[in-house]
């Protein structure tokens, strides 16, 4: 029997990674985040905000290895 495994070239970027932010020289922006719709009930919004504040819900971004290489080279 032959088992073939494939490794993914997609990598997760956490918010503590230096390439998690994008800058154009004037503005610094995070690559990923949360957007809570204005129609979201106040009680749910508060639960979501509490989860974010306590670190239970964290933003992550994904990029290919090639993109990560370009991000790293561009940030130097």
N, C-alpha and C. Protein backbone atom coordinates (compact mmCIF):
# COMPACT_ATOMS: atom_id res chain seq x y z
N UNK A 1 0.83 -1.16 0.00
CA UNK A 1 0.00 0.00 0.00
C UNK A 1 0.89 1.24 0.00
N UNK A 2 0.52 2.21 -0.80
CA UNK A 2 1.27 3.46 -0.88
C UNK A 2 0.38 4.59 -0.37
N UNK A 3 0.91 5.32 0.58
CA UNK A 3 0.16 6.46 1.12
C UNK A 3 0.89 7.73 0.71
N UNK A 4 0.15 8.62 0.09
CA UNK A 4 0.71 9.89 -0.35
C UNK A 4 0.09 11.01 0.47
N UNK A 5 0.93 11.84 1.02
CA UNK A 5 0.43 13.00 1.76
C UNK A 5 0.86 14.27 1.04
N UNK A 6 0.04 15.24 1.10
CA UNK A 6 0.36 16.53 0.49
C UNK A 6 0.43 17.57 1.60
N UNK A 7 1.44 18.37 1.52
CA UNK A 7 1.53 19.46 2.50
C UNK A 7 0.97 20.72 1.85
N UNK A 8 0.27 21.45 2.62
CA UNK A 8 -0.34 22.67 2.12
C UNK A 8 0.70 23.79 2.13
N UNK A 9 0.60 24.66 1.15
CA UNK A 9 1.49 25.82 1.13
C UNK A 9 0.79 27.05 1.72
N UNK A 10 -0.36 26.82 2.35
CA UNK A 10 -1.09 27.91 2.99
C UNK A 10 -0.71 27.95 4.45
N UNK A 11 -0.36 29.13 4.93
CA UNK A 11 0.08 29.31 6.30
C UNK A 11 -0.83 30.30 7.03
N UNK A 12 -0.97 30.07 8.31
CA UNK A 12 -1.79 30.92 9.17
C UNK A 12 -0.91 32.04 9.72
N UNK A 13 -1.43 33.25 9.71
CA UNK A 13 -0.72 34.41 10.25
C UNK A 13 -1.50 34.89 11.47
N UNK A 14 -0.88 34.79 12.64
CA UNK A 14 -1.55 35.25 13.86
C UNK A 14 -1.26 36.73 14.07
N UNK A 15 -2.03 37.33 14.95
CA UNK A 15 -1.93 38.79 15.14
C UNK A 15 -0.62 39.23 15.77
N UNK A 16 0.16 38.31 16.35
CA UNK A 16 1.45 38.70 16.91
C UNK A 16 2.59 38.57 15.90
N UNK A 17 2.27 38.13 14.68
CA UNK A 17 3.27 38.00 13.61
C UNK A 17 3.51 39.39 13.00
N UNK A 18 4.76 39.77 12.77
CA UNK A 18 5.05 41.11 12.21
C UNK A 18 4.38 41.38 10.86
N UNK A 19 4.11 40.35 10.06
CA UNK A 19 3.49 40.59 8.75
C UNK A 19 1.97 40.61 8.83
N UNK A 20 1.42 40.58 10.05
CA UNK A 20 -0.04 40.65 10.22
C UNK A 20 -0.56 42.05 9.87
N UNK A 21 0.31 43.04 9.91
CA UNK A 21 -0.10 44.41 9.57
C UNK A 21 0.42 44.80 8.20
N UNK A 22 -0.33 45.66 7.55
CA UNK A 22 0.03 46.21 6.24
C UNK A 22 0.27 47.70 6.45
N UNK A 23 1.31 48.23 5.84
CA UNK A 23 1.55 49.66 5.94
C UNK A 23 1.90 50.23 4.57
N UNK A 24 1.49 51.45 4.34
CA UNK A 24 1.86 52.12 3.09
C UNK A 24 2.75 53.32 3.37
N UNK A 25 3.31 53.37 4.58
CA UNK A 25 4.16 54.50 4.96
C UNK A 25 3.41 55.51 5.81
N UNK A 26 2.10 55.59 5.64
CA UNK A 26 1.30 56.53 6.42
C UNK A 26 0.30 55.82 7.32
N UNK A 27 -0.26 54.74 6.82
CA UNK A 27 -1.33 54.03 7.53
C UNK A 27 -0.89 52.60 7.83
N UNK A 28 -1.19 52.14 9.05
CA UNK A 28 -0.94 50.75 9.42
C UNK A 28 -2.30 50.08 9.63
N UNK A 29 -2.53 48.97 8.91
CA UNK A 29 -3.81 48.27 8.96
C UNK A 29 -3.56 46.78 9.21
N UNK A 30 -4.42 46.14 9.99
CA UNK A 30 -4.31 44.70 10.21
C UNK A 30 -4.87 43.96 8.99
N UNK A 31 -4.27 42.81 8.67
CA UNK A 31 -4.70 42.00 7.52
C UNK A 31 -6.05 41.34 7.75
N UNK A 32 -6.42 41.11 8.99
CA UNK A 32 -7.68 40.45 9.30
C UNK A 32 -8.28 41.10 10.53
N UNK A 33 -9.55 40.92 10.70
CA UNK A 33 -10.21 41.49 11.87
C UNK A 33 -11.64 41.00 11.95
N UNK A 34 -12.42 41.67 12.76
CA UNK A 34 -13.82 41.33 12.95
C UNK A 34 -14.66 42.53 12.57
N UNK A 35 -15.79 42.25 11.95
CA UNK A 35 -16.76 43.31 11.66
C UNK A 35 -18.11 42.84 12.20
N UNK A 36 -18.65 43.58 13.13
CA UNK A 36 -19.95 43.23 13.70
C UNK A 36 -21.00 44.11 13.05
N UNK A 37 -21.96 43.50 12.41
CA UNK A 37 -23.02 44.21 11.70
C UNK A 37 -23.81 45.09 12.67
N UNK A 38 -24.24 46.24 12.20
CA UNK A 38 -24.99 47.17 13.06
C UNK A 38 -26.34 46.57 13.49
N UNK A 39 -26.82 45.56 12.76
CA UNK A 39 -28.09 44.91 13.12
C UNK A 39 -27.92 43.86 14.21
N UNK A 40 -26.68 43.58 14.59
CA UNK A 40 -26.41 42.59 15.64
C UNK A 40 -26.98 43.11 16.96
N UNK A 41 -27.79 42.30 17.65
CA UNK A 41 -28.34 42.76 18.94
C UNK A 41 -27.24 43.13 19.93
N UNK A 42 -27.51 44.13 20.74
CA UNK A 42 -26.54 44.66 21.69
C UNK A 42 -25.98 43.57 22.62
N UNK A 43 -26.84 42.65 23.05
CA UNK A 43 -26.39 41.59 23.96
C UNK A 43 -25.37 40.68 23.29
N UNK A 44 -25.59 40.32 22.03
CA UNK A 44 -24.66 39.47 21.29
C UNK A 44 -23.35 40.22 21.02
N UNK A 45 -23.49 41.49 20.68
CA UNK A 45 -22.31 42.32 20.44
C UNK A 45 -21.41 42.34 21.68
N UNK A 46 -22.04 42.48 22.85
CA UNK A 46 -21.28 42.52 24.10
C UNK A 46 -20.59 41.19 24.36
N UNK A 47 -21.26 40.06 24.08
CA UNK A 47 -20.65 38.74 24.26
C UNK A 47 -19.44 38.59 23.33
N UNK A 48 -19.60 39.01 22.08
CA UNK A 48 -18.49 38.93 21.12
C UNK A 48 -17.32 39.79 21.57
N UNK A 49 -17.61 41.01 22.01
CA UNK A 49 -16.54 41.92 22.46
C UNK A 49 -15.83 41.34 23.69
N UNK A 50 -16.58 40.72 24.60
CA UNK A 50 -15.97 40.10 25.77
C UNK A 50 -15.04 38.97 25.35
N UNK A 51 -15.48 38.15 24.39
CA UNK A 51 -14.65 37.05 23.88
C UNK A 51 -13.36 37.56 23.25
N UNK A 52 -13.46 38.66 22.52
CA UNK A 52 -12.26 39.26 21.91
C UNK A 52 -11.34 39.80 23.00
N UNK A 53 -11.92 40.54 23.95
CA UNK A 53 -11.12 41.14 25.03
C UNK A 53 -10.39 40.09 25.86
N UNK A 54 -11.03 38.93 26.08
CA UNK A 54 -10.43 37.88 26.89
C UNK A 54 -9.50 36.97 26.09
N UNK A 55 -9.42 37.20 24.78
CA UNK A 55 -8.52 36.41 23.94
C UNK A 55 -9.09 35.07 23.51
N UNK A 56 -10.38 34.87 23.70
CA UNK A 56 -11.01 33.61 23.30
C UNK A 56 -11.33 33.61 21.81
N UNK A 57 -11.48 34.77 21.23
CA UNK A 57 -11.76 34.93 19.80
C UNK A 57 -10.67 35.84 19.26
N UNK A 58 -9.87 35.32 18.31
CA UNK A 58 -8.71 36.05 17.81
C UNK A 58 -8.76 36.15 16.28
N UNK A 59 -8.35 37.28 15.74
CA UNK A 59 -8.28 37.39 14.29
C UNK A 59 -7.05 36.63 13.76
N UNK A 60 -7.23 35.94 12.65
CA UNK A 60 -6.11 35.29 11.96
C UNK A 60 -6.28 35.56 10.47
N UNK A 61 -5.17 35.54 9.77
CA UNK A 61 -5.19 35.69 8.32
C UNK A 61 -4.49 34.46 7.73
N UNK A 62 -4.71 34.21 6.47
CA UNK A 62 -4.05 33.10 5.79
C UNK A 62 -3.37 33.63 4.53
N UNK A 63 -2.23 33.05 4.22
CA UNK A 63 -1.48 33.44 3.03
C UNK A 63 -0.69 32.22 2.55
N UNK A 64 -0.38 32.22 1.27
CA UNK A 64 0.47 31.16 0.74
C UNK A 64 1.91 31.43 1.17
N UNK A 65 2.73 30.40 1.10
CA UNK A 65 4.15 30.56 1.45
C UNK A 65 4.80 31.62 0.58
N UNK A 66 4.43 31.67 -0.70
CA UNK A 66 5.00 32.67 -1.60
C UNK A 66 4.61 34.08 -1.17
N UNK A 67 3.33 34.27 -0.78
CA UNK A 67 2.90 35.58 -0.30
C UNK A 67 3.64 35.96 0.98
N UNK A 68 3.80 34.99 1.89
CA UNK A 68 4.53 35.27 3.13
C UNK A 68 5.96 35.69 2.85
N UNK A 69 6.59 35.05 1.90
CA UNK A 69 7.95 35.41 1.53
C UNK A 69 7.98 36.85 1.02
N UNK A 70 7.02 37.22 0.18
CA UNK A 70 6.97 38.58 -0.35
C UNK A 70 6.68 39.58 0.77
N UNK A 71 5.77 39.23 1.72
CA UNK A 71 5.46 40.11 2.86
C UNK A 71 6.73 40.35 3.67
N UNK A 72 7.46 39.27 3.94
CA UNK A 72 8.67 39.37 4.75
C UNK A 72 9.74 40.21 4.06
N UNK A 73 9.91 39.99 2.76
CA UNK A 73 10.92 40.76 2.02
C UNK A 73 10.50 42.24 1.94
N UNK A 74 9.21 42.49 1.79
CA UNK A 74 8.73 43.86 1.67
C UNK A 74 8.76 44.63 2.97
N UNK A 75 8.77 43.94 4.10
CA UNK A 75 8.74 44.65 5.39
C UNK A 75 10.14 45.00 5.90
N UNK A 76 11.16 44.66 5.14
CA UNK A 76 12.53 44.95 5.60
C UNK A 76 13.06 46.22 4.97
